[in-house]
Amino acid sequence: MKKRQLLYWIRIWFKDNDLDPGNPAHWDILINNLQVMRDLMVGLAFKTPPGGRPRTRKGHAQLLADFNRVRNKHPGKKMKELVNIFAEEIGYERKVSTLERQVYDALFKGLPPSGREN
């Protein structure tokens, strides 16, 4: 991709998300979103949760997308605060620590294998 095209898409991304390219925290959001998109496209291996069904590719992608939407709304907040906000928004009824672990796994351990499309 040419440099001009790349800069065009970066400008579009900042404009669409109402972010400021002069703010370093907003660049962190961009980099994180690019990493998430990379993971969604590549489909990294995901460990089956103990005592439960493996998360499907669609469910995993939805969890990442929803959490990143919350993280983009609240830049600079710590992970625990973001998970609490996320739990309130989606009406999570179980332990918040479980959701925190699921989000952590989704962010740092990758996606389920591409063979599971459900």
N, C-alpha and C. Protein backbone atom coordinates (compact mmCIF):
# COMPACT_ATOMS: atom_id res chain seq x y z
N MET A 1 0.84 -1.17 0.00
CA MET A 1 0.00 0.00 0.00
C MET A 1 0.89 1.24 0.00
N LYS A 2 0.52 2.18 -0.82
CA LYS A 2 1.31 3.41 -0.89
C LYS A 2 1.08 4.26 0.35
N LYS A 3 2.08 5.10 0.64
CA LYS A 3 2.01 5.95 1.82
C LYS A 3 0.79 6.87 1.77
N ARG A 4 0.49 7.41 0.59
CA ARG A 4 -0.65 8.32 0.44
C ARG A 4 -1.96 7.61 0.79
N GLN A 5 -2.11 6.36 0.34
CA GLN A 5 -3.33 5.61 0.63
C GLN A 5 -3.45 5.32 2.13
N LEU A 6 -2.33 4.95 2.74
CA LEU A 6 -2.33 4.65 4.16
C LEU A 6 -2.74 5.88 4.97
N LEU A 7 -2.17 7.03 4.66
CA LEU A 7 -2.51 8.26 5.37
C LEU A 7 -3.98 8.61 5.18
N TYR A 8 -4.51 8.36 3.99
CA TYR A 8 -5.92 8.61 3.72
C TYR A 8 -6.80 7.78 4.65
N TRP A 9 -6.50 6.48 4.78
CA TRP A 9 -7.31 5.61 5.62
C TRP A 9 -7.17 5.95 7.10
N ILE A 10 -5.99 6.37 7.50
CA ILE A 10 -5.80 6.78 8.90
C ILE A 10 -6.63 8.02 9.20
N ARG A 11 -6.63 8.99 8.28
CA ARG A 11 -7.45 10.19 8.47
C ARG A 11 -8.93 9.84 8.55
N ILE A 12 -9.38 8.94 7.68
CA ILE A 12 -10.78 8.50 7.68
C ILE A 12 -11.12 7.86 9.03
N TRP A 13 -10.22 6.99 9.52
CA TRP A 13 -10.47 6.30 10.78
C TRP A 13 -10.62 7.30 11.93
N PHE A 14 -9.72 8.28 12.01
CA PHE A 14 -9.80 9.28 13.07
C PHE A 14 -11.10 10.07 12.95
N LYS A 15 -11.45 10.46 11.74
CA LYS A 15 -12.67 11.25 11.53
C LYS A 15 -13.92 10.45 11.90
N ASP A 16 -14.01 9.20 11.46
CA ASP A 16 -15.19 8.36 11.74
C ASP A 16 -15.37 8.08 13.22
N ASN A 17 -14.28 8.04 13.97
CA ASN A 17 -14.36 7.73 15.40
C ASN A 17 -14.29 8.97 16.28
N ASP A 18 -14.37 10.15 15.67
CA ASP A 18 -14.32 11.42 16.41
C ASP A 18 -13.13 11.49 17.34
N LEU A 19 -11.96 11.15 16.82
CA LEU A 19 -10.73 11.18 17.61
C LEU A 19 -9.77 12.21 17.03
N ASP A 20 -8.82 12.63 17.84
CA ASP A 20 -7.87 13.66 17.45
C ASP A 20 -6.50 13.03 17.18
N PRO A 21 -5.95 13.19 15.95
CA PRO A 21 -4.63 12.62 15.66
C PRO A 21 -3.50 13.26 16.48
N GLY A 22 -3.76 14.41 17.09
CA GLY A 22 -2.75 15.06 17.92
C GLY A 22 -2.69 14.51 19.34
N ASN A 23 -3.62 13.64 19.69
CA ASN A 23 -3.67 13.08 21.04
C ASN A 23 -3.02 11.68 21.02
N PRO A 24 -1.93 11.49 21.77
CA PRO A 24 -1.25 10.19 21.77
C PRO A 24 -2.13 9.03 22.23
N ALA A 25 -3.07 9.28 23.14
CA ALA A 25 -3.96 8.21 23.62
C ALA A 25 -4.83 7.70 22.47
N HIS A 26 -5.19 8.58 21.55
CA HIS A 26 -6.01 8.17 20.42
C HIS A 26 -5.21 7.31 19.44
N TRP A 27 -3.91 7.54 19.35
CA TRP A 27 -3.07 6.67 18.51
C TRP A 27 -2.99 5.27 19.12
N ASP A 28 -2.97 5.20 20.47
CA ASP A 28 -2.99 3.89 21.13
C ASP A 28 -4.25 3.13 20.78
N ILE A 29 -5.38 3.84 20.72
CA ILE A 29 -6.66 3.22 20.35
C ILE A 29 -6.57 2.69 18.92
N LEU A 30 -6.00 3.49 18.01
CA LEU A 30 -5.83 3.06 16.61
C LEU A 30 -4.99 1.80 16.53
N ILE A 31 -3.86 1.79 17.22
CA ILE A 31 -2.96 0.63 17.17
C ILE A 31 -3.65 -0.61 17.73
N ASN A 32 -4.37 -0.45 18.83
CA ASN A 32 -5.09 -1.58 19.41
C ASN A 32 -6.14 -2.11 18.45
N ASN A 33 -6.90 -1.22 17.81
CA ASN A 33 -7.92 -1.65 16.87
C ASN A 33 -7.30 -2.36 15.66
N LEU A 34 -6.14 -1.91 15.23
CA LEU A 34 -5.46 -2.59 14.12
C LEU A 34 -5.03 -4.00 14.54
N GLN A 35 -4.59 -4.14 15.79
CA GLN A 35 -4.20 -5.47 16.28
C GLN A 35 -5.42 -6.38 16.36
N VAL A 36 -6.55 -5.86 16.79
CA VAL A 36 -7.78 -6.65 16.86
C VAL A 36 -8.20 -7.08 15.45
N MET A 37 -8.14 -6.15 14.50
CA MET A 37 -8.50 -6.50 13.12
C MET A 37 -7.55 -7.57 12.58
N ARG A 38 -6.27 -7.46 12.90
CA ARG A 38 -5.32 -8.47 12.46
C ARG A 38 -5.70 -9.83 13.03
N ASP A 39 -6.04 -9.87 14.31
CA ASP A 39 -6.42 -11.12 14.95
C ASP A 39 -7.68 -11.70 14.33
N LEU A 40 -8.63 -10.82 13.99
CA LEU A 40 -9.87 -11.29 13.38
C LEU A 40 -9.61 -11.89 12.00
N MET A 41 -8.69 -11.28 11.25
CA MET A 41 -8.41 -11.77 9.90
C MET A 41 -7.55 -13.02 9.91
N VAL A 42 -6.58 -13.08 10.80
CA VAL A 42 -5.65 -14.20 10.82
C VAL A 42 -6.26 -15.40 11.54
N GLY A 43 -7.01 -15.16 12.59
CA GLY A 43 -7.66 -16.25 13.34
C GLY A 43 -6.66 -17.05 14.16
N LEU A 44 -6.11 -16.41 15.18
CA LEU A 44 -5.14 -17.09 16.03
C LEU A 44 -5.82 -18.18 16.86
N ALA A 45 -5.06 -19.17 17.31
CA ALA A 45 -5.61 -20.28 18.09
C ALA A 45 -6.14 -19.78 19.42
N PHE A 46 -7.24 -20.34 19.87
CA PHE A 46 -7.86 -19.95 21.14
C PHE A 46 -8.04 -21.19 22.01
N LYS A 47 -7.65 -21.08 23.24
CA LYS A 47 -7.74 -22.19 24.19
C LYS A 47 -9.20 -22.39 24.62
N THR A 48 -9.63 -23.63 24.67
CA THR A 48 -10.98 -23.94 25.12
C THR A 48 -11.10 -23.63 26.60
N PRO A 49 -12.13 -22.88 27.01
CA PRO A 49 -12.26 -22.58 28.43
C PRO A 49 -12.53 -23.84 29.24
N PRO A 50 -11.95 -23.99 30.44
CA PRO A 50 -12.17 -25.19 31.23
C PRO A 50 -13.63 -25.31 31.65
N GLY A 51 -14.18 -26.52 31.50
CA GLY A 51 -15.54 -26.77 31.95
C GLY A 51 -16.61 -26.12 31.12
N GLY A 52 -16.28 -25.69 29.92
CA GLY A 52 -17.29 -25.02 29.11
C GLY A 52 -17.08 -25.29 27.63
N ARG A 53 -18.04 -24.84 26.86
CA ARG A 53 -17.91 -24.99 25.41
C ARG A 53 -16.91 -23.97 24.89
N PRO A 54 -16.20 -24.32 23.84
CA PRO A 54 -15.28 -23.33 23.28
C PRO A 54 -16.06 -22.17 22.68
N ARG A 55 -15.53 -20.99 22.82
CA ARG A 55 -16.18 -19.81 22.26
C ARG A 55 -16.12 -19.90 20.73
N THR A 56 -17.22 -19.61 20.09
CA THR A 56 -17.24 -19.65 18.63
C THR A 56 -16.54 -18.43 18.07
N ARG A 57 -16.20 -18.50 16.82
CA ARG A 57 -15.52 -17.39 16.16
C ARG A 57 -16.39 -16.12 16.15
N LYS A 58 -17.70 -16.30 15.87
CA LYS A 58 -18.60 -15.15 15.85
C LYS A 58 -18.74 -14.54 17.24
N GLY A 59 -18.93 -15.39 18.26
CA GLY A 59 -19.08 -14.90 19.62
C GLY A 59 -17.84 -14.18 20.11
N HIS A 60 -16.70 -14.71 19.74
CA HIS A 60 -15.42 -14.12 20.14
C HIS A 60 -15.23 -12.76 19.48
N ALA A 61 -15.52 -12.70 18.19
CA ALA A 61 -15.39 -11.44 17.46
C ALA A 61 -16.35 -10.40 18.02
N GLN A 62 -17.56 -10.83 18.39
CA GLN A 62 -18.55 -9.89 18.93
C GLN A 62 -18.10 -9.36 20.29
N LEU A 63 -17.54 -10.23 21.13
CA LEU A 63 -17.03 -9.79 22.43
C LEU A 63 -15.94 -8.74 22.23
N LEU A 64 -15.00 -9.00 21.32
CA LEU A 64 -13.93 -8.04 21.06
C LEU A 64 -14.48 -6.72 20.53
N ALA A 65 -15.41 -6.79 19.59
CA ALA A 65 -15.97 -5.58 18.99
C ALA A 65 -16.71 -4.75 20.05
N ASP A 66 -17.53 -5.41 20.87
CA ASP A 66 -18.28 -4.69 21.90
C ASP A 66 -17.36 -4.06 22.94
N PHE A 67 -16.35 -4.82 23.37
CA PHE A 67 -15.43 -4.29 24.37
C PHE A 67 -14.63 -3.12 23.80
N ASN A 68 -14.19 -3.23 22.55
CA ASN A 68 -13.42 -2.13 21.95
C ASN A 68 -14.27 -0.88 21.78
N ARG A 69 -15.56 -1.04 21.54
CA ARG A 69 -16.46 0.11 21.45
C ARG A 69 -16.47 0.85 22.80
N VAL A 70 -16.55 0.09 23.90
CA VAL A 70 -16.54 0.70 25.24
C VAL A 70 -15.18 1.34 25.51
N ARG A 71 -14.10 0.65 25.13
CA ARG A 71 -12.76 1.19 25.37
C ARG A 71 -12.52 2.47 24.59
N ASN A 72 -13.06 2.55 23.38
CA ASN A 72 -12.90 3.77 22.57
C ASN A 72 -13.68 4.95 23.15
N LYS A 73 -14.80 4.66 23.82
CA LYS A 73 -15.60 5.72 24.45
C LYS A 73 -14.92 6.27 25.69
N HIS A 74 -14.09 5.46 26.36
CA HIS A 74 -13.48 5.83 27.64
C HIS A 74 -11.96 5.66 27.58
N PRO A 75 -11.26 6.46 26.76
CA PRO A 75 -9.80 6.31 26.69
C PRO A 75 -9.15 6.71 28.01
N GLY A 76 -8.11 6.00 28.37
CA GLY A 76 -7.36 6.33 29.58
C GLY A 76 -7.84 5.60 30.82
N LYS A 77 -8.97 4.89 30.75
CA LYS A 77 -9.47 4.15 31.92
C LYS A 77 -8.70 2.83 32.03
N LYS A 78 -8.63 2.34 33.25
CA LYS A 78 -7.95 1.06 33.49
C LYS A 78 -8.85 -0.09 33.06
N MET A 79 -8.24 -1.26 32.86
CA MET A 79 -8.95 -2.44 32.36
C MET A 79 -10.12 -2.81 33.26
N LYS A 80 -9.91 -2.81 34.57
CA LYS A 80 -10.97 -3.21 35.51
C LYS A 80 -12.17 -2.26 35.40
N GLU A 81 -11.90 -0.96 35.30
CA GLU A 81 -12.99 0.02 35.15
C GLU A 81 -13.74 -0.20 33.84
N LEU A 82 -12.99 -0.47 32.77
CA LEU A 82 -13.61 -0.70 31.47
C LEU A 82 -14.50 -1.94 31.49
N VAL A 83 -14.03 -2.99 32.15
CA VAL A 83 -14.83 -4.22 32.22
C VAL A 83 -16.11 -3.98 33.02
N ASN A 84 -16.03 -3.20 34.11
CA ASN A 84 -17.23 -2.87 34.89
C ASN A 84 -18.24 -2.09 34.04
N ILE A 85 -17.76 -1.12 33.28
CA ILE A 85 -18.64 -0.35 32.39
C ILE A 85 -19.24 -1.27 31.34
N PHE A 86 -18.42 -2.14 30.77
CA PHE A 86 -18.86 -3.09 29.75
C PHE A 86 -19.94 -4.02 30.31
N ALA A 87 -19.73 -4.51 31.53
CA ALA A 87 -20.71 -5.41 32.16
C ALA A 87 -22.05 -4.71 32.35
N GLU A 88 -22.02 -3.45 32.76
CA GLU A 88 -23.26 -2.69 32.93
C GLU A 88 -23.97 -2.50 31.59
N GLU A 89 -23.20 -2.18 30.55
CA GLU A 89 -23.80 -1.92 29.24
C GLU A 89 -24.48 -3.15 28.64
N ILE A 90 -23.86 -4.32 28.81
CA ILE A 90 -24.44 -5.52 28.20
C ILE A 90 -25.37 -6.26 29.15
N GLY A 91 -25.50 -5.77 30.38
CA GLY A 91 -26.38 -6.43 31.35
C GLY A 91 -25.86 -7.79 31.79
N TYR A 92 -24.55 -7.87 32.02
CA TYR A 92 -23.92 -9.13 32.42
C TYR A 92 -24.36 -9.50 33.83
N GLU A 93 -24.89 -10.72 34.02
CA GLU A 93 -25.47 -11.12 35.31
C GLU A 93 -24.55 -11.97 36.17
N ARG A 94 -23.51 -12.55 35.57
CA ARG A 94 -22.59 -13.39 36.36
C ARG A 94 -21.51 -12.52 36.99
N LYS A 95 -20.48 -13.18 37.54
CA LYS A 95 -19.39 -12.44 38.17
C LYS A 95 -18.65 -11.60 37.14
N VAL A 96 -18.33 -10.37 37.53
CA VAL A 96 -17.59 -9.48 36.65
C VAL A 96 -16.18 -10.02 36.42
N SER A 97 -15.64 -10.74 37.38
CA SER A 97 -14.29 -11.30 37.23
C SER A 97 -14.26 -12.32 36.09
N THR A 98 -15.38 -13.04 35.87
CA THR A 98 -15.44 -13.99 34.76
C THR A 98 -15.40 -13.24 33.43
N LEU A 99 -16.17 -12.17 33.35
CA LEU A 99 -16.17 -11.36 32.12
C LEU A 99 -14.79 -10.75 31.90
N GLU A 100 -14.16 -10.31 32.98
CA GLU A 100 -12.81 -9.73 32.87
C GLU A 100 -11.83 -10.76 32.29
N ARG A 101 -11.92 -12.01 32.76
CA ARG A 101 -11.05 -13.06 32.24
C ARG A 101 -11.34 -13.32 30.77
N GLN A 102 -12.64 -13.35 30.39
CA GLN A 102 -13.01 -13.59 29.00
C GLN A 102 -12.48 -12.48 28.09
N VAL A 103 -12.59 -11.25 28.55
CA VAL A 103 -12.09 -10.12 27.76
C VAL A 103 -10.57 -10.21 27.66
N TYR A 104 -9.90 -10.52 28.77
CA TYR A 104 -8.45 -10.65 28.75
C TYR A 104 -8.02 -11.74 27.76
N ASP A 105 -8.68 -12.89 27.83
CA ASP A 105 -8.36 -13.98 26.90
C ASP A 105 -8.59 -13.56 25.45
N ALA A 106 -9.68 -12.85 25.22
CA ALA A 106 -9.99 -12.41 23.86
C ALA A 106 -8.94 -11.44 23.34
N LEU A 107 -8.47 -10.55 24.21
CA LEU A 107 -7.50 -9.54 23.78
C LEU A 107 -6.10 -10.10 23.62
N PHE A 108 -5.68 -11.00 24.52
CA PHE A 108 -4.29 -11.39 24.55
C PHE A 108 -4.00 -12.83 24.15
N LYS A 109 -5.01 -13.67 24.03
CA LYS A 109 -4.76 -15.07 23.66
C LYS A 109 -5.25 -15.40 22.27
N GLY A 110 -5.84 -14.45 21.59
CA GLY A 110 -6.23 -14.67 20.20
C GLY A 110 -7.65 -15.17 20.03
N LEU A 111 -7.93 -15.64 18.84
CA LEU A 111 -9.27 -16.08 18.45
C LEU A 111 -9.35 -17.58 18.35
N PRO A 112 -10.56 -18.12 18.31
CA PRO A 112 -10.71 -19.56 18.12
C PRO A 112 -10.22 -19.97 16.74
N PRO A 113 -9.89 -21.24 16.55
CA PRO A 113 -9.42 -21.69 15.24
C PRO A 113 -10.45 -21.39 14.17
N SER A 114 -9.97 -21.15 12.96
CA SER A 114 -10.86 -20.74 11.87
C SER A 114 -11.81 -21.85 11.45
N GLY A 115 -11.60 -23.09 11.87
CA GLY A 115 -12.49 -24.18 11.52
C GLY A 115 -13.86 -24.08 12.17
N ARG A 116 -13.96 -23.36 13.29
CA ARG A 116 -15.25 -23.20 13.97
C ARG A 116 -15.88 -21.90 13.55
N GLU A 117 -16.92 -21.95 12.77
CA GLU A 117 -17.53 -20.74 12.25
C GLU A 117 -18.85 -20.40 12.91
N ASN A 118 -19.31 -21.18 13.86
CA ASN A 118 -20.63 -20.93 14.47
C ASN A 118 -20.62 -19.74 15.38
